[in-house]
Amino acid sequence: MITFKRFFRPLPLAVSFFVAVAGVSVVAQIEGGERGVAPIDSSGSFEVGGVGVDVVGKSADAARLRGWREAQRKGWQLLWQRTHGGGAPGLSDGALDGIVSGIIIEDEQIGPNRYIARLGVMFDRVRAGQILGVSGSVRRSAPLLVVPVQWSGGFAQSFETRTEWQKAWARFRTSGSSIDYVRVAGTGADPLLLNAGQMGRPGRKWWRTLLDQYGAADVLVPQVRLERAWPGGPVTGYFSARYGPDNRLLQSFALRVQSSAGLPKLMDEGVRRIDEIYAMALASGSLRPDTSLIIEQPIDVEGIEDDVLANVMSGVIAETVAGSAPPVETSAPATIVKQFTIQFDTPDVGSVGSAESAVRNIPGIKSATTSSLALGGVSVMRVAFDGDADMLRVALSARGYRVQESGGVFRIRRTGN
């Protein structure tokens, strides 16, 4: 008996130690290391890139300012040609300052009195849209969650650590893309939920849970495999545009830079080309949300009371035969208020209130609140509806909206837009 007690006495300490170590490991997976890059929000801007300038000035600062002014004028001409064609109306530098929201430095060389650069110009979508005579919105896909996966040294990473591929997708400006990217920062629980291993799991129920968590209809998995000739030397990136839980391949290509210093440019070019691949797939109809990701709840026929069915059927038969029989009174089944997400265009401030008012006036809507506002882009509204998704789709269509729906996420546009 004494030996028995002495033998088992250390076990609680061992179990406690194991639990403590396991707890530390789980916390370390979430909190340790450097991870997470906040994506750039460019939904409120028109962007014109690749504007070349070569100017001189009395000083380096004066030449740089003069170059930025010239980039604004050239960018305005290019933006007008893109939307209308032909020559743009002349605007003063002061007027351009009012509609330009930022200057992107793609490459620059600064001398004592000379400035040579390739710049990007960002125009405020609302202010510039009023002059351009456009609503400021672009036709986009359903919201698609993007999970960039980088292979390096035979090891795959998504959000587990901060990678150059993740950084490139975070700084990619999506304002001109036809793809509605849902980009995450990679913080919090993201590394556990959206790890590289998850990209190889085809189970639909778990994927539906993840996509609902991030407000997306499907997933995009752009991948890159890096091969280095030697440390600091040439780097070759093998890129592939994949999508869906089954990790389907759309197209692949390879790019190369002469040194590791050019890796950010390699990644940026890879993102740009993959965005073009996704856009072409969307236009051709190849990139569509997977219908198997929509989980429909089956109707429980066996749960319906036999006497209720008998009463209803007898009432229908009596009314058909007699023509004047009193209707059978049956209690309507109780409906459950469900939460839905609605994405809608908000080119200006007034469009927010009008959209909320139109949705709130739909019978069955209990609440409708804009949870994410993006003036000049696409905002998000959370609604509580006393009915199912099909009923809400019909109600929105009756209000004059074109409706796309996937997994409780609706994308609405006014008919004709």
Protein backbone atom coordinates (compact mmCIF):
# COMPACT_ATOMS: atom_id res chain seq x y z
CA MET A 1 0.00 0.00 0.00
CA ILE A 2 2.80 2.41 0.81
CA THR A 3 4.60 1.54 -2.41
CA PHE A 4 1.35 2.08 -4.37
CA LYS A 5 0.92 5.60 -3.00
CA ARG A 6 4.53 6.57 -3.55
CA PHE A 7 4.39 5.32 -7.13
CA PHE A 8 1.30 7.35 -8.09
CA ARG A 9 1.91 10.47 -6.04
CA PRO A 10 4.07 12.28 -8.65
CA LEU A 11 1.45 11.79 -11.42
CA PRO A 12 -0.73 14.84 -10.57
CA LEU A 13 2.38 16.99 -10.74
CA ALA A 14 3.31 15.43 -14.05
CA VAL A 15 -0.19 15.97 -15.44
CA SER A 16 -0.18 19.57 -14.22
CA PHE A 17 3.19 20.13 -15.83
CA PHE A 18 1.96 18.60 -19.10
CA VAL A 19 -1.17 20.77 -19.14
CA ALA A 20 0.86 23.87 -18.36
CA VAL A 21 3.34 23.11 -21.16
CA ALA A 22 0.50 22.34 -23.59
CA GLY A 23 -1.21 25.61 -22.66
CA VAL A 24 2.00 27.54 -23.21
CA SER A 25 2.40 25.84 -26.62
CA VAL A 26 -1.11 26.82 -27.72
CA VAL A 27 -0.64 30.42 -26.57
CA ALA A 28 2.73 30.52 -28.30
CA GLN A 29 1.14 29.45 -31.57
CA ILE A 30 -1.20 32.43 -31.39
CA GLU A 31 0.89 35.16 -29.77
CA GLY A 32 4.52 34.39 -30.51
CA GLY A 33 6.62 35.65 -33.39
CA GLU A 34 6.09 38.40 -35.93
CA ARG A 35 2.94 37.95 -37.95
CA GLY A 36 0.17 40.03 -39.37
CA VAL A 37 0.24 42.78 -42.00
CA ALA A 38 -2.71 45.18 -42.20
CA PRO A 39 -3.96 45.37 -45.83
CA ILE A 40 -4.12 48.75 -47.55
CA ASP A 41 -7.67 49.99 -48.05
CA SER A 42 -7.81 51.49 -51.55
CA SER A 43 -11.52 50.96 -52.18
CA GLY A 44 -12.14 54.73 -51.98
CA SER A 45 -9.76 55.71 -54.78
CA PHE A 46 -9.24 55.58 -58.52
CA GLU A 47 -5.62 54.68 -59.21
CA VAL A 48 -3.43 55.44 -62.22
CA GLY A 49 0.03 53.87 -62.15
CA GLY A 50 3.21 54.05 -64.17
CA VAL A 51 3.22 57.83 -64.69
CA GLY A 52 6.71 58.87 -65.76
CA VAL A 53 8.13 62.32 -64.98
CA ASP A 54 11.50 63.96 -65.70
CA VAL A 55 11.71 67.58 -64.49
CA VAL A 56 14.23 70.10 -63.18
CA GLY A 57 13.97 72.73 -60.47
CA LYS A 58 15.95 75.20 -58.41
CA SER A 59 16.50 72.56 -55.73
CA ALA A 60 15.87 68.89 -55.12
CA ASP A 61 12.66 69.61 -53.19
CA ALA A 62 11.41 72.05 -55.82
CA ALA A 63 12.10 69.52 -58.59
CA ARG A 64 10.28 66.82 -56.65
CA LEU A 65 7.22 69.00 -56.06
CA ARG A 66 7.18 69.96 -59.71
CA GLY A 67 7.37 66.28 -60.67
CA TRP A 68 4.40 65.44 -58.47
CA ARG A 69 2.40 68.28 -59.99
CA GLU A 70 3.15 66.99 -63.46
CA ALA A 71 2.21 63.45 -62.39
CA GLN A 72 -1.18 64.75 -61.21
CA ARG A 73 -1.85 66.39 -64.57
CA LYS A 74 -0.75 63.31 -66.54
CA GLY A 75 -2.68 61.02 -64.23
CA TRP A 76 -5.85 63.04 -64.73
CA GLN A 77 -5.47 62.77 -68.51
CA LEU A 78 -5.00 58.99 -68.26
CA LEU A 79 -7.95 58.56 -65.90
CA TRP A 80 -10.23 60.53 -68.22
CA GLN A 81 -9.09 58.50 -71.25
CA ARG A 82 -9.78 55.31 -69.32
CA THR A 83 -13.37 56.29 -68.51
CA HIS A 84 -14.34 58.50 -71.49
CA GLY A 85 -11.65 58.46 -74.16
CA GLY A 86 -10.25 61.54 -75.82
CA GLY A 87 -8.79 64.60 -74.15
CA ALA A 88 -9.66 65.48 -70.57
CA PRO A 89 -10.95 68.93 -69.54
CA GLY A 90 -8.21 71.10 -68.10
CA LEU A 91 -8.08 71.42 -64.31
CA SER A 92 -5.90 73.79 -62.32
CA ASP A 93 -3.30 72.48 -59.91
CA GLY A 94 -5.53 73.63 -57.04
CA ALA A 95 -8.49 71.64 -58.38
CA LEU A 96 -6.28 68.59 -58.85
CA ASP A 97 -5.04 68.93 -55.27
CA GLY A 98 -8.67 68.67 -54.17
CA ILE A 99 -9.35 65.36 -55.93
CA VAL A 100 -5.94 63.68 -55.58
CA SER A 101 -5.79 61.57 -52.41
CA GLY A 102 -2.20 60.37 -52.67
CA ILE A 103 0.99 59.92 -54.69
CA ILE A 104 2.57 56.45 -54.91
CA ILE A 105 6.32 56.38 -55.46
CA GLU A 106 7.07 53.37 -57.64
CA ASP A 107 10.63 54.41 -58.47
CA GLU A 108 12.47 57.72 -58.16
CA GLN A 109 15.89 59.31 -58.61
CA ILE A 110 16.56 62.65 -56.93
CA GLY A 111 19.41 64.93 -57.98
CA PRO A 112 20.46 68.43 -56.86
CA ASN A 113 18.03 70.02 -59.30
CA ARG A 114 16.49 67.13 -61.22
CA TYR A 115 13.76 64.61 -60.45
CA ILE A 116 13.18 61.41 -62.45
CA ALA A 117 10.47 59.06 -61.24
CA ARG A 118 7.73 56.60 -62.04
CA LEU A 119 4.70 57.48 -59.91
CA GLY A 120 1.15 56.38 -59.23
CA VAL A 121 -1.66 58.86 -58.63
CA MET A 122 -4.69 58.09 -56.45
CA PHE A 123 -7.87 60.10 -57.06
CA ASP A 124 -10.63 60.32 -54.49
CA ARG A 125 -13.46 58.16 -55.82
CA VAL A 126 -16.28 60.45 -54.69
CA ARG A 127 -14.80 63.82 -55.68
CA ALA A 128 -13.25 62.64 -58.94
CA GLY A 129 -16.36 60.59 -59.72
CA GLN A 130 -18.50 63.72 -59.66
CA ILE A 131 -16.30 65.35 -62.30
CA LEU A 132 -16.02 62.18 -64.33
CA GLY A 133 -19.78 61.70 -64.25
CA VAL A 134 -19.54 58.11 -62.97
CA SER A 135 -20.97 56.57 -59.83
CA GLY A 136 -17.53 55.60 -58.57
CA SER A 137 -18.37 51.92 -58.25
CA VAL A 138 -17.02 49.00 -60.24
CA ARG A 139 -18.64 45.66 -60.95
CA ARG A 140 -17.03 43.05 -58.79
CA SER A 141 -17.21 39.39 -57.96
CA ALA A 142 -18.78 37.90 -54.87
CA PRO A 143 -16.58 38.45 -51.78
CA LEU A 144 -13.67 35.99 -52.00
CA LEU A 145 -11.32 35.24 -49.12
CA VAL A 146 -7.67 35.38 -50.25
CA VAL A 147 -5.10 33.19 -48.45
CA PRO A 148 -1.60 33.66 -49.92
CA VAL A 149 0.63 30.59 -49.49
CA GLN A 150 4.42 30.82 -49.87
CA TRP A 151 6.67 27.80 -50.36
CA SER A 152 10.32 28.28 -49.46
CA GLY A 153 12.85 25.63 -48.58
CA GLY A 154 10.19 22.95 -48.97
CA PHE A 155 8.04 24.51 -46.25
CA ALA A 156 4.63 26.12 -46.80
CA GLN A 157 3.42 29.16 -44.85
CA SER A 158 0.35 31.37 -45.03
CA PHE A 159 -0.25 33.51 -41.93
CA GLU A 160 1.90 31.47 -39.52
CA THR A 161 4.71 34.01 -39.96
CA ARG A 162 5.03 37.28 -41.83
CA THR A 163 6.13 36.45 -45.40
CA GLU A 164 7.00 38.60 -48.41
CA TRP A 165 4.05 37.06 -50.27
CA GLN A 166 1.63 38.13 -47.55
CA LYS A 167 3.14 41.62 -47.50
CA ALA A 168 2.68 41.93 -51.28
CA TRP A 169 -1.01 41.05 -51.05
CA ALA A 170 -1.47 43.44 -48.14
CA ARG A 171 -0.06 46.40 -50.09
CA PHE A 172 -1.86 45.50 -53.32
CA ARG A 173 -4.38 48.21 -54.22
CA THR A 174 -7.67 46.55 -55.10
CA SER A 175 -9.61 49.62 -56.23
CA GLY A 176 -9.30 48.83 -59.93
CA SER A 177 -9.78 45.06 -59.64
CA SER A 178 -12.99 43.25 -60.55
CA ILE A 179 -12.33 40.79 -57.72
CA ASP A 180 -13.83 41.61 -54.32
CA TYR A 181 -10.92 40.42 -52.18
CA VAL A 182 -11.50 39.73 -48.50
CA ARG A 183 -8.03 40.26 -47.01
CA VAL A 184 -7.21 39.47 -43.40
CA ALA A 185 -4.37 40.93 -41.35
CA GLY A 186 -3.13 37.56 -40.12
CA THR A 187 -3.41 38.43 -36.44
CA GLY A 188 -5.43 36.88 -33.63
CA ALA A 189 -6.79 33.46 -34.55
CA ASP A 190 -6.04 33.85 -38.29
CA PRO A 191 -2.80 31.78 -38.18
CA LEU A 192 -4.70 28.86 -36.62
CA LEU A 193 -7.79 29.04 -38.84
CA LEU A 194 -6.15 29.93 -42.16
CA ASN A 195 -2.90 27.97 -42.01
CA ALA A 196 -1.26 26.35 -45.01
CA GLY A 197 -2.54 22.91 -44.00
CA GLN A 198 -6.16 24.08 -44.13
CA MET A 199 -5.74 24.89 -47.84
CA GLY A 200 -5.44 21.16 -48.54
CA ARG A 201 -8.57 20.10 -46.66
CA PRO A 202 -11.63 19.77 -48.93
CA GLY A 203 -14.23 19.31 -46.13
CA ARG A 204 -17.13 21.61 -46.98
CA LYS A 205 -18.69 22.05 -43.52
CA TRP A 206 -15.51 23.41 -41.95
CA TRP A 207 -14.87 25.62 -44.98
CA ARG A 208 -18.41 27.01 -44.74
CA THR A 209 -17.80 27.88 -41.10
CA LEU A 210 -14.56 29.67 -41.98
CA LEU A 211 -16.06 31.59 -44.89
CA ASP A 212 -19.04 32.70 -42.78
CA GLN A 213 -16.58 33.90 -40.15
CA TYR A 214 -14.85 36.16 -42.69
CA GLY A 215 -17.95 37.14 -44.70
CA ALA A 216 -16.83 35.46 -47.94
CA ALA A 217 -18.48 33.21 -50.50
CA ASP A 218 -15.41 31.23 -51.58
CA VAL A 219 -11.62 31.15 -51.18
CA LEU A 220 -8.70 32.13 -53.44
CA VAL A 221 -5.33 30.50 -52.82
CA PRO A 222 -2.54 32.30 -54.73
CA GLN A 223 0.72 30.40 -54.25
CA VAL A 224 4.38 31.08 -54.90
CA ARG A 225 7.34 28.69 -54.65
CA LEU A 226 10.70 30.44 -54.24
CA GLU A 227 13.99 29.00 -55.45
CA ARG A 228 17.27 30.80 -54.64
CA ALA A 229 20.42 30.15 -56.65
CA TRP A 230 22.53 31.08 -53.61
CA PRO A 231 22.06 33.32 -50.56
CA GLY A 232 21.57 36.87 -51.79
CA GLY A 233 21.67 35.77 -55.42
CA PRO A 234 19.03 35.32 -58.14
CA VAL A 235 15.55 34.33 -57.01
CA THR A 236 12.97 32.56 -59.18
CA GLY A 237 9.32 32.58 -58.20
CA TYR A 238 6.90 29.98 -59.55
CA PHE A 239 3.41 31.43 -59.18
CA SER A 240 0.05 29.67 -59.43
CA ALA A 241 -3.48 31.07 -59.21
CA ARG A 242 -5.68 28.58 -57.37
CA TYR A 243 -9.17 28.77 -55.94
CA GLY A 244 -11.80 26.84 -54.02
CA PRO A 245 -11.60 24.17 -51.30
CA ASP A 246 -10.41 21.69 -53.93
CA ASN A 247 -7.44 23.95 -54.71
CA ARG A 248 -8.17 24.11 -58.44
CA LEU A 249 -5.44 25.52 -60.67
CA LEU A 250 -6.33 28.30 -63.10
CA GLN A 251 -2.93 29.27 -64.47
CA SER A 252 0.76 29.39 -63.49
CA PHE A 253 3.86 31.36 -64.53
CA ALA A 254 7.43 32.08 -63.40
CA LEU A 255 9.33 35.32 -62.69
CA ARG A 256 12.97 35.95 -61.83
CA VAL A 257 15.03 38.71 -60.23
CA GLN A 258 18.81 38.98 -60.10
CA SER A 259 19.15 39.35 -56.32
CA SER A 260 17.22 38.98 -53.08
CA ALA A 261 16.96 42.78 -52.93
CA GLY A 262 14.46 42.62 -55.79
CA LEU A 263 12.19 40.15 -54.01
CA PRO A 264 9.49 42.75 -53.11
CA LYS A 265 9.23 43.81 -56.77
CA LEU A 266 9.03 40.16 -57.79
CA MET A 267 6.15 39.62 -55.38
CA ASP A 268 4.31 42.78 -56.45
CA GLU A 269 4.49 41.75 -60.10
CA GLY A 270 3.30 38.27 -59.17
CA VAL A 271 0.26 39.70 -57.35
CA ARG A 272 -0.57 41.93 -60.32
CA ARG A 273 -0.47 39.04 -62.78
CA ILE A 274 -2.46 36.70 -60.56
CA ASP A 275 -5.11 39.41 -60.16
CA GLU A 276 -5.34 39.56 -63.96
CA ILE A 277 -5.77 35.76 -64.09
CA TYR A 278 -8.58 35.86 -61.54
CA ALA A 279 -10.24 38.77 -63.39
CA MET A 280 -10.11 36.90 -66.72
CA ALA A 281 -11.50 33.77 -65.06
CA LEU A 282 -14.35 35.83 -63.60
CA ALA A 283 -15.14 37.35 -67.01
CA SER A 284 -15.16 33.92 -68.68
CA GLY A 285 -17.34 32.38 -65.99
CA SER A 286 -14.65 30.01 -64.69
CA LEU A 287 -14.39 31.75 -61.32
CA ARG A 288 -17.71 31.21 -59.59
CA PRO A 289 -18.46 30.43 -55.92
CA ASP A 290 -18.70 26.71 -55.24
CA THR A 291 -22.37 25.82 -54.72
CA SER A 292 -21.39 22.94 -52.40
CA LEU A 293 -20.26 25.54 -49.87
CA ILE A 294 -23.89 26.57 -49.33
CA ILE A 295 -25.28 24.27 -46.66
CA GLU A 296 -29.04 23.99 -46.89
CA GLN A 297 -31.01 22.81 -43.89
CA PRO A 298 -33.33 19.93 -44.94
CA ILE A 299 -37.04 20.17 -44.20
CA ASP A 300 -38.08 17.79 -41.42
CA VAL A 301 -41.19 16.28 -43.02
CA GLU A 302 -41.57 13.64 -40.32
CA GLY A 303 -41.78 16.33 -37.67
CA ILE A 304 -45.02 17.77 -39.08
CA GLU A 305 -48.05 16.65 -37.11
CA ASP A 306 -50.39 14.30 -39.01
CA ASP A 307 -53.52 16.02 -37.68
CA VAL A 308 -52.31 19.43 -38.92
CA LEU A 309 -51.78 18.01 -42.40
CA ALA A 310 -55.20 16.33 -42.25
CA ASN A 311 -56.89 19.58 -41.24
CA VAL A 312 -55.20 21.54 -44.00
CA MET A 313 -56.00 18.95 -46.64
CA SER A 314 -59.62 18.65 -45.50
CA GLY A 315 -60.01 22.41 -45.65
CA VAL A 316 -58.62 22.52 -49.19
CA ILE A 317 -60.89 19.68 -50.34
CA ALA A 318 -63.99 21.19 -48.67
CA GLU A 319 -63.32 24.60 -50.22
CA THR A 320 -62.78 23.05 -53.64
CA VAL A 321 -65.98 20.99 -53.54
CA ALA A 322 -68.40 23.38 -51.79
CA GLY A 323 -66.87 26.65 -52.93
CA SER A 324 -68.23 28.42 -49.87
CA ALA A 325 -66.97 26.38 -46.95
CA PRO A 326 -65.39 28.41 -44.15
CA PRO A 327 -61.59 28.37 -44.25
CA VAL A 328 -59.76 26.12 -41.83
CA GLU A 329 -57.89 28.14 -39.25
CA THR A 330 -54.35 26.89 -38.82
CA SER A 331 -51.61 28.47 -36.77
CA ALA A 332 -48.68 29.73 -38.88
CA PRO A 333 -45.37 28.14 -37.98
CA ALA A 334 -43.10 30.38 -35.98
CA THR A 335 -40.18 31.76 -37.97
CA ILE A 336 -36.69 32.34 -36.62
CA VAL A 337 -35.04 35.72 -37.06
CA LYS A 338 -31.78 35.18 -38.96
CA GLN A 339 -28.77 37.41 -39.50
CA PHE A 340 -27.60 38.19 -43.04
CA THR A 341 -24.84 40.29 -44.58
CA ILE A 342 -25.64 42.67 -47.46
CA GLN A 343 -22.93 44.35 -49.54
CA PHE A 344 -24.07 47.48 -51.38
CA ASP A 345 -22.54 50.33 -53.40
CA THR A 346 -22.07 53.65 -51.58
CA PRO A 347 -20.77 56.22 -54.10
CA ASP A 348 -21.73 59.09 -51.75
CA VAL A 349 -23.12 59.80 -48.29
CA GLY A 350 -26.74 59.92 -49.44
CA SER A 351 -26.55 56.39 -50.86
CA VAL A 352 -25.94 54.97 -47.39
CA GLY A 353 -29.18 56.32 -45.91
CA SER A 354 -31.24 55.49 -48.99
CA ALA A 355 -30.03 51.87 -49.03
CA GLU A 356 -30.69 51.44 -45.32
CA SER A 357 -34.16 52.95 -45.70
CA ALA A 358 -35.02 50.70 -48.66
CA VAL A 359 -33.95 47.59 -46.78
CA ARG A 360 -35.68 48.57 -43.52
CA ASN A 361 -38.98 49.02 -45.37
CA ILE A 362 -38.96 45.38 -46.48
CA PRO A 363 -41.57 43.38 -44.55
CA GLY A 364 -39.87 41.03 -42.10
CA ILE A 365 -36.75 43.15 -41.60
CA LYS A 366 -36.18 43.62 -37.87
CA SER A 367 -33.02 45.72 -38.10
CA ALA A 368 -30.60 46.98 -40.75
CA THR A 369 -27.34 48.66 -39.75
CA THR A 370 -24.26 49.55 -41.79
CA SER A 371 -21.39 47.76 -40.05
CA SER A 372 -18.62 48.70 -42.50
CA LEU A 373 -18.70 52.03 -44.37
CA ALA A 374 -16.63 52.66 -47.52
CA LEU A 375 -17.71 55.85 -49.29
CA GLY A 376 -16.99 55.52 -52.98
CA GLY A 377 -16.79 51.74 -52.68
CA VAL A 378 -18.73 48.80 -51.29
CA SER A 379 -20.16 49.00 -47.76
CA VAL A 380 -21.52 46.18 -45.60
CA MET A 381 -24.92 46.09 -43.87
CA ARG A 382 -25.98 43.60 -41.19
CA VAL A 383 -29.69 42.80 -41.21
CA ALA A 384 -31.99 40.70 -39.05
CA PHE A 385 -34.74 39.12 -41.15
CA ASP A 386 -37.77 37.09 -40.12
CA GLY A 387 -37.39 34.52 -42.89
CA ASP A 388 -34.87 32.53 -44.93
CA ALA A 389 -32.38 33.53 -47.59
CA ASP A 390 -34.73 32.81 -50.50
CA MET A 391 -37.42 35.07 -49.04
CA LEU A 392 -34.92 37.88 -48.54
CA ARG A 393 -33.61 37.49 -52.09
CA VAL A 394 -37.12 37.82 -53.52
CA ALA A 395 -37.86 40.83 -51.30
CA LEU A 396 -34.68 42.62 -52.40
CA SER A 397 -35.43 41.91 -56.05
CA ALA A 398 -38.89 43.39 -55.58
CA ARG A 399 -37.20 46.61 -54.41
CA GLY A 400 -35.41 46.96 -57.76
CA TYR A 401 -32.09 45.32 -56.85
CA ARG A 402 -30.07 42.78 -58.80
CA VAL A 403 -29.12 40.21 -56.16
CA GLN A 404 -26.27 37.73 -55.86
CA GLU A 405 -26.28 35.47 -52.80
CA SER A 406 -23.97 32.85 -51.39
CA GLY A 407 -24.00 31.45 -47.89
CA GLY A 408 -26.02 34.24 -46.33
CA VAL A 409 -23.92 37.01 -47.97
CA PHE A 410 -25.88 39.15 -50.44
CA ARG A 411 -24.42 41.51 -53.07
CA ILE A 412 -27.05 44.00 -54.28
CA ARG A 413 -26.91 46.52 -57.11
CA ARG A 414 -29.55 48.80 -58.53
CA THR A 415 -30.98 47.55 -61.83
CA GLY A 416 -29.11 49.17 -64.69
CA ASN A 417 -25.84 49.67 -62.76
